[in-house]
PDB file of all heavy atoms in Angstrom:
ATOM      1  N   LEU A   1       3.665  -4.699 -25.967  1.00  0.00           N
ATOM      2  CA  LEU A   1       4.362  -3.518 -25.706  1.00  0.00           C
ATOM      3  C   LEU A   1       3.397  -2.267 -25.520  1.00  0.00           C
ATOM      4  O   LEU A   1       2.571  -2.048 -26.330  1.00  0.00           O
ATOM      5  CB  LEU A   1       5.306  -3.190 -26.944  1.00  0.00           C
ATOM      6  CG  LEU A   1       5.986  -1.778 -26.913  1.00  0.00           C
ATOM      7  CD1 LEU A   1       6.934  -1.573 -25.749  1.00  0.00           C
ATOM      8  CD2 LEU A   1       6.749  -1.564 -28.234  1.00  0.00           C
ATOM      9  N   ILE A   2       3.596  -1.539 -24.422  1.00  0.00           N
ATOM     10  CA  ILE A   2       2.873  -0.290 -24.288  1.00  0.00           C
ATOM     11  C   ILE A   2       3.872   0.911 -24.326  1.00  0.00           C
ATOM     12  O   ILE A   2       4.952   0.843 -23.748  1.00  0.00           O
ATOM     13  CB  ILE A   2       2.178  -0.216 -22.854  1.00  0.00           C
ATOM     14  CG1 ILE A   2       1.093  -1.258 -22.791  1.00  0.00           C
ATOM     15  CG2 ILE A   2       1.655   1.166 -22.579  1.00  0.00           C
ATOM     16  CD1 ILE A   2       0.455  -1.392 -21.392  1.00  0.00           C
ATOM     17  N   PHE A   3       3.734   1.833 -25.167  1.00  0.00           N
ATOM     18  CA  PHE A   3       4.613   3.046 -25.380  1.00  0.00           C
ATOM     19  C   PHE A   3       3.774   4.167 -25.091  1.00  0.00           C
ATOM     20  O   PHE A   3       2.645   4.414 -25.763  1.00  0.00           O
ATOM     21  CB  PHE A   3       4.969   3.103 -26.969  1.00  0.00           C
ATOM     22  CG  PHE A   3       6.459   2.858 -27.087  1.00  0.00           C
ATOM     23  CD1 PHE A   3       6.949   1.893 -27.881  1.00  0.00           C
ATOM     24  CD2 PHE A   3       7.287   3.858 -26.582  1.00  0.00           C
ATOM     25  CE1 PHE A   3       8.275   1.733 -28.111  1.00  0.00           C
ATOM     26  CE2 PHE A   3       8.754   3.693 -26.684  1.00  0.00           C
ATOM     27  CZ  PHE A   3       9.186   2.628 -27.587  1.00  0.00           C
ATOM     28  N   LYS A   4       4.094   5.086 -24.189  1.00  0.00           N
ATOM     29  CA  LYS A   4       3.418   6.320 -24.048  1.00  0.00           C
ATOM     30  C   LYS A   4       4.379   7.387 -23.544  1.00  0.00           C
ATOM     31  O   LYS A   4       5.520   7.115 -22.927  1.00  0.00           O
ATOM     32  CB  LYS A   4       2.245   6.172 -23.147  1.00  0.00           C
ATOM     33  CG  LYS A   4       2.534   5.693 -21.695  1.00  0.00           C
ATOM     34  CD  LYS A   4       1.204   5.560 -20.910  1.00  0.00           C
ATOM     35  CE  LYS A   4       1.517   5.150 -19.464  1.00  0.00           C
ATOM     36  NZ  LYS A   4       0.256   5.004 -18.735  1.00  0.00           N
ATOM     37  N   VAL A   5       4.060   8.595 -23.801  1.00  0.00           N
ATOM     38  CA  VAL A   5       4.898   9.731 -23.345  1.00  0.00           C
ATOM     39  C   VAL A   5       5.178   9.587 -21.842  1.00  0.00           C
ATOM     40  O   VAL A   5       4.273   9.537 -21.080  1.00  0.00           O
ATOM     41  CB  VAL A   5       4.476  11.177 -23.757  1.00  0.00           C
ATOM     42  CG1 VAL A   5       5.199  12.232 -23.198  1.00  0.00           C
ATOM     43  CG2 VAL A   5       4.267  11.204 -25.274  1.00  0.00           C
ATOM     44  N   HIS A   6       6.404   9.805 -21.365  1.00  0.00           N
ATOM     45  CA  HIS A   6       6.722   9.756 -20.021  1.00  0.00           C
ATOM     46  C   HIS A   6       6.270  10.912 -19.320  1.00  0.00           C
ATOM     47  O   HIS A   6       6.515  12.117 -19.643  1.00  0.00           O
ATOM     48  CB  HIS A   6       8.333   9.572 -19.782  1.00  0.00           C
ATOM     49  CG  HIS A   6       8.718   9.596 -18.382  1.00  0.00           C
ATOM     50  ND1 HIS A   6       9.634  10.391 -17.878  1.00  0.00           N
ATOM     51  CD2 HIS A   6       8.403   8.695 -17.488  1.00  0.00           C
ATOM     52  CE1 HIS A   6       9.875  10.113 -16.692  1.00  0.00           C
ATOM     53  NE2 HIS A   6       9.043   9.080 -16.327  1.00  0.00           N
ATOM     54  N   GLU A   7       5.565  10.758 -18.150  1.00  0.00           N
ATOM     55  CA  GLU A   7       5.164  11.775 -17.338  1.00  0.00           C
ATOM     56  C   GLU A   7       6.011  11.958 -16.083  1.00  0.00           C
ATOM     57  O   GLU A   7       6.314  10.991 -15.315  1.00  0.00           O
ATOM     58  CB  GLU A   7       3.710  11.596 -16.761  1.00  0.00           C
ATOM     59  CG  GLU A   7       2.731  11.506 -18.104  1.00  0.00           C
ATOM     60  CD  GLU A   7       1.322  11.359 -17.631  1.00  0.00           C
ATOM     61  OE1 GLU A   7       1.161  11.171 -16.356  1.00  0.00           O
ATOM     62  OE2 GLU A   7       0.401  11.246 -18.387  1.00  0.00           O
ATOM     63  N   LEU A   8       6.552  13.077 -15.722  1.00  0.00           N
ATOM     64  CA  LEU A   8       7.476  13.308 -14.606  1.00  0.00           C
ATOM     65  C   LEU A   8       6.596  13.010 -13.290  1.00  0.00           C
ATOM     66  O   LEU A   8       5.487  13.462 -13.206  1.00  0.00           O
ATOM     67  CB  LEU A   8       7.961  14.721 -14.579  1.00  0.00           C
ATOM     68  CG  LEU A   8       8.950  15.111 -15.795  1.00  0.00           C
ATOM     69  CD1 LEU A   8       9.407  16.564 -15.675  1.00  0.00           C
ATOM     70  CD2 LEU A   8      10.149  14.266 -15.705  1.00  0.00           C
ATOM     71  N   SER A   9       7.363  12.497 -12.294  1.00  0.00           N
ATOM     72  CA  SER A   9       6.769  12.271 -10.932  1.00  0.00           C
ATOM     73  C   SER A   9       7.507  13.303 -10.031  1.00  0.00           C
ATOM     74  O   SER A   9       8.573  13.677 -10.294  1.00  0.00           O
ATOM     75  CB  SER A   9       7.048  10.910 -10.472  1.00  0.00           C
ATOM     76  OG  SER A   9       6.451   9.898 -11.318  1.00  0.00           O
ATOM     77  N   ALA A  10       6.719  13.642  -9.045  1.00  0.00           N
ATOM     78  CA  ALA A  10       7.361  14.495  -7.934  1.00  0.00           C
ATOM     79  C   ALA A  10       8.545  13.862  -7.336  1.00  0.00           C
ATOM     80  O   ALA A  10       8.550  12.609  -7.170  1.00  0.00           O
ATOM     81  CB  ALA A  10       6.437  14.843  -6.901  1.00  0.00           C
ATOM     82  N   ASN A  11       9.701  14.550  -7.254  1.00  0.00           N
ATOM     83  CA  ASN A  11      10.920  13.953  -6.650  1.00  0.00           C
ATOM     84  C   ASN A  11      10.966  13.907  -5.119  1.00  0.00           C
ATOM     85  O   ASN A  11      11.938  13.452  -4.524  1.00  0.00           O
ATOM     86  CB  ASN A  11      12.100  14.589  -7.247  1.00  0.00           C
ATOM     87  CG  ASN A  11      12.271  15.988  -6.701  1.00  0.00           C
ATOM     88  OD1 ASN A  11      11.369  16.640  -6.182  1.00  0.00           O
ATOM     89  ND2 ASN A  11      13.444  16.567  -7.066  1.00  0.00           N
ATOM     90  N   SER A  12       9.902  14.466  -4.400  1.00  0.00           N
ATOM     91  CA  SER A  12       9.895  14.471  -3.049  1.00  0.00           C
ATOM     92  C   SER A  12       8.421  13.995  -2.592  1.00  0.00           C
ATOM     93  O   SER A  12       7.471  14.546  -3.076  1.00  0.00           O
ATOM     94  CB  SER A  12      10.154  15.777  -2.474  1.00  0.00           C
ATOM     95  OG  SER A  12      10.120  15.865  -1.079  1.00  0.00           O
ATOM     96  N   LEU A  13       8.313  13.173  -1.581  1.00  0.00           N
ATOM     97  CA  LEU A  13       7.037  12.665  -1.271  1.00  0.00           C
ATOM     98  C   LEU A  13       6.954  12.138   0.158  1.00  0.00           C
ATOM     99  O   LEU A  13       8.021  12.077   0.795  1.00  0.00           O
ATOM    100  CB  LEU A  13       6.530  11.516  -2.118  1.00  0.00           C
ATOM    101  CG  LEU A  13       7.399  10.204  -2.244  1.00  0.00           C
ATOM    102  CD1 LEU A  13       6.435   9.099  -2.880  1.00  0.00           C
ATOM    103  CD2 LEU A  13       8.486  10.322  -3.039  1.00  0.00           C
ATOM    104  N   SER A  14       5.706  11.851   0.726  1.00  0.00           N
ATOM    105  CA  SER A  14       5.570  11.404   2.062  1.00  0.00           C
ATOM    106  C   SER A  14       5.328   9.907   2.083  1.00  0.00           C
ATOM    107  O   SER A  14       4.734   9.387   1.124  1.00  0.00           O
ATOM    108  CB  SER A  14       4.520  12.148   2.736  1.00  0.00           C
ATOM    109  OG  SER A  14       3.201  12.078   2.002  1.00  0.00           O
ATOM    110  N   LEU A  15       5.627   9.343   3.148  1.00  0.00           N
ATOM    111  CA  LEU A  15       5.557   7.879   3.316  1.00  0.00           C
ATOM    112  C   LEU A  15       4.996   7.384   4.715  1.00  0.00           C
ATOM    113  O   LEU A  15       5.208   8.067   5.644  1.00  0.00           O
ATOM    114  CB  LEU A  15       6.974   7.269   3.102  1.00  0.00           C
ATOM    115  CG  LEU A  15       7.162   5.716   3.135  1.00  0.00           C
ATOM    116  CD1 LEU A  15       6.536   5.072   1.953  1.00  0.00           C
ATOM    117  CD2 LEU A  15       8.583   5.382   3.302  1.00  0.00           C
ATOM    118  N   THR A  16       4.108   6.384   4.658  1.00  0.00           N
ATOM    119  CA  THR A  16       3.577   5.872   5.876  1.00  0.00           C
ATOM    120  C   THR A  16       3.728   4.359   5.852  1.00  0.00           C
ATOM    121  O   THR A  16       4.033   3.679   4.807  1.00  0.00           O
ATOM    122  CB  THR A  16       2.166   6.258   6.095  1.00  0.00           C
ATOM    123  OG1 THR A  16       1.727   5.957   7.377  1.00  0.00           O
ATOM    124  CG2 THR A  16       1.180   5.573   5.114  1.00  0.00           C
ATOM    125  N   SER A  17       3.462   3.764   7.041  1.00  0.00           N
ATOM    126  CA  SER A  17       3.580   2.303   7.066  1.00  0.00           C
ATOM    127  C   SER A  17       2.288   1.616   6.642  1.00  0.00           C
ATOM    128  O   SER A  17       1.105   2.142   6.957  1.00  0.00           O
ATOM    129  CB  SER A  17       3.846   1.759   8.559  1.00  0.00           C
ATOM    130  OG  SER A  17       5.237   2.255   8.960  1.00  0.00           O
ATOM    131  N   GLY A  18       2.275   0.522   6.002  1.00  0.00           N
ATOM    132  CA  GLY A  18       1.144  -0.257   5.670  1.00  0.00           C
ATOM    133  C   GLY A  18       0.667  -1.322   6.609  1.00  0.00           C
ATOM    134  O   GLY A  18       1.525  -1.617   7.464  1.00  0.00           O
ATOM    135  N   PHE A  19      -0.483  -1.790   6.465  1.00  0.00           N
ATOM    136  CA  PHE A  19      -0.964  -2.878   7.335  1.00  0.00           C
ATOM    137  C   PHE A  19      -0.550  -4.217   6.829  1.00  0.00           C
ATOM    138  O   PHE A  19      -0.522  -5.296   7.613  1.00  0.00           O
ATOM    139  CB  PHE A  19      -2.467  -2.687   7.573  1.00  0.00           C
ATOM    140  CG  PHE A  19      -2.910  -1.482   8.240  1.00  0.00           C
ATOM    141  CD1 PHE A  19      -3.472  -0.379   7.530  1.00  0.00           C
ATOM    142  CD2 PHE A  19      -2.810  -1.339   9.637  1.00  0.00           C
ATOM    143  CE1 PHE A  19      -3.770   0.752   8.205  1.00  0.00           C
ATOM    144  CE2 PHE A  19      -3.139  -0.238  10.270  1.00  0.00           C
ATOM    145  CZ  PHE A  19      -3.674   0.797   9.617  1.00  0.00           C
ATOM    146  N   GLN A  20      -0.389  -4.321   5.523  1.00  0.00           N
ATOM    147  CA  GLN A  20      -0.130  -5.556   4.874  1.00  0.00           C
ATOM    148  C   GLN A  20       1.220  -6.153   5.389  1.00  0.00           C
ATOM    149  O   GLN A  20       2.232  -5.430   5.409  1.00  0.00           O
ATOM    150  CB  GLN A  20      -0.146  -5.467   3.357  1.00  0.00           C
ATOM    151  CG  GLN A  20       0.278  -6.736   2.692  1.00  0.00           C
ATOM    152  CD  GLN A  20       0.363  -6.469   1.086  1.00  0.00           C
ATOM    153  OE1 GLN A  20      -0.146  -5.465   0.661  1.00  0.00           O
ATOM    154  NE2 GLN A  20       1.000  -7.457   0.459  1.00  0.00           N
ATOM    155  N   ILE A  21       1.223  -7.473   5.797  1.00  0.00           N
ATOM    156  CA  ILE A  21       2.415  -8.147   6.199  1.00  0.00           C
ATOM    157  C   ILE A  21       2.837  -9.114   5.087  1.00  0.00           C
ATOM    158  O   ILE A  21       2.054  -9.947   4.640  1.00  0.00           O
ATOM    159  CB  ILE A  21       2.285  -8.910   7.541  1.00  0.00           C
ATOM    160  CG1 ILE A  21       1.927  -7.989   8.615  1.00  0.00           C
ATOM    161  CG2 ILE A  21       3.591  -9.700   7.749  1.00  0.00           C
ATOM    162  CD1 ILE A  21       2.950  -6.920   8.958  1.00  0.00           C
ATOM    163  N   LYS A  22       4.040  -8.839   4.560  1.00  0.00           N
ATOM    164  CA  LYS A  22       4.505  -9.726   3.347  1.00  0.00           C
ATOM    165  C   LYS A  22       5.070 -11.026   3.972  1.00  0.00           C
ATOM    166  O   LYS A  22       5.851 -11.000   4.959  1.00  0.00           O
ATOM    167  CB  LYS A  22       5.424  -8.957   2.557  1.00  0.00           C
ATOM    168  CG  LYS A  22       4.840  -7.938   1.666  1.00  0.00           C
ATOM    169  CD  LYS A  22       5.605  -7.353   0.459  1.00  0.00           C
ATOM    170  CE  LYS A  22       4.909  -6.519  -0.379  1.00  0.00           C
ATOM    171  NZ  LYS A  22       5.665  -6.088  -1.490  1.00  0.00           N
ATOM    172  N   THR A  23       4.858 -12.100   3.406  1.00  0.00           N
ATOM    173  CA  THR A  23       5.390 -13.415   3.833  1.00  0.00           C
ATOM    174  C   THR A  23       6.130 -14.177   2.691  1.00  0.00           C
ATOM    175  O   THR A  23       5.963 -13.825   1.466  1.00  0.00           O
ATOM    176  CB  THR A  23       4.181 -14.400   4.273  1.00  0.00           C
ATOM    177  OG1 THR A  23       3.280 -14.567   3.153  1.00  0.00           O
ATOM    178  CG2 THR A  23       3.525 -13.815   5.530  1.00  0.00           C
ATOM    179  N   PRO A  24       7.145 -14.854   3.085  1.00  0.00           N
ATOM    180  CA  PRO A  24       8.017 -15.570   2.010  1.00  0.00           C
ATOM    181  C   PRO A  24       7.158 -16.453   1.189  1.00  0.00           C
ATOM    182  O   PRO A  24       6.149 -16.995   1.660  1.00  0.00           O
ATOM    183  CB  PRO A  24       8.975 -16.403   2.866  1.00  0.00           C
ATOM    184  CG  PRO A  24       9.058 -15.679   4.087  1.00  0.00           C
ATOM    185  CD  PRO A  24       7.721 -15.202   4.441  1.00  0.00           C
TER     186      PRO A  24
END
């Protein structure tokens, strides 16, 4: 178990496409 104080994350962010292709 890891317990630590929760840190807030920004609720708005930018996104881009990755190069990694996921396979089944």
